């Protein structure tokens, strides 16, 4: 049975991550992974996010009127983002985990800086056929190596000009298939224990409660202001993760 402090730490992490997702439509895997790697090793943090990430993102992927339309448009991107996770996950048994944790920190810092800087890419429709699979492959490899689903996948979905409601569904689809592929890769590499499964399943309720609270908070708080605070916090947390990982390598 996990210790009480571990249970409280995991529950608190997913409550906060769920609130972020409730306000801005993304962030549960990113926030939970960033916080969990402060207390756990990287493979354990990946394992713990699997069940709440899958449940909340499946909800997001299906809760809309454009599921079929979005899926038909981005399926090549989603396919490559899924099948290449195994390539990246192979690094978990071959590369120093401190180095991979530092890479996670670099991704978080890069994502935060690009978002705070207002960087927006634009990919014309005629280029989606090759850009989607290419960027999906990069996203899948990085997901397998770090557990982060965001870079460069979310940037691609923003770059193809999806309206907000379709973008939210598309992100839900990306995070759902990435979670499934990551779970299968971690299981194949024997990184998932019974305790991980128990804690991850138990984290679903705090994550859902956080999403509900976040959705209520969205009506009272400027989304732009919240996003600014979120990305500044993500920047600082990413820098902290990098410093801690480099310290373990020295």
Foldseek 3Di string as FASTA:
>chain_A
DDDPVVLVQLLVQLLQQLLLCLQQLDRNQLSQQLSVVVPDQQLLSLLLQQQLLQVVLVCQQPPDDCNVVLCVLQVLLLVLLQPLLLVQLVVVVVPDSLVLLLVSLVVLQVVLVCVLVVPAAADEPVCCVPVSNVQSNVQSNNCSSGVDNVPPVLSVLRRPPDPPSSSSNNVSSSSNSSSVSNNVSCVVVVSDDPVSVVSSVVNNVSSNNSSVNNNVVNVVDDSVVVSNVVSVVSNVSSVVSNVVSVVVVD
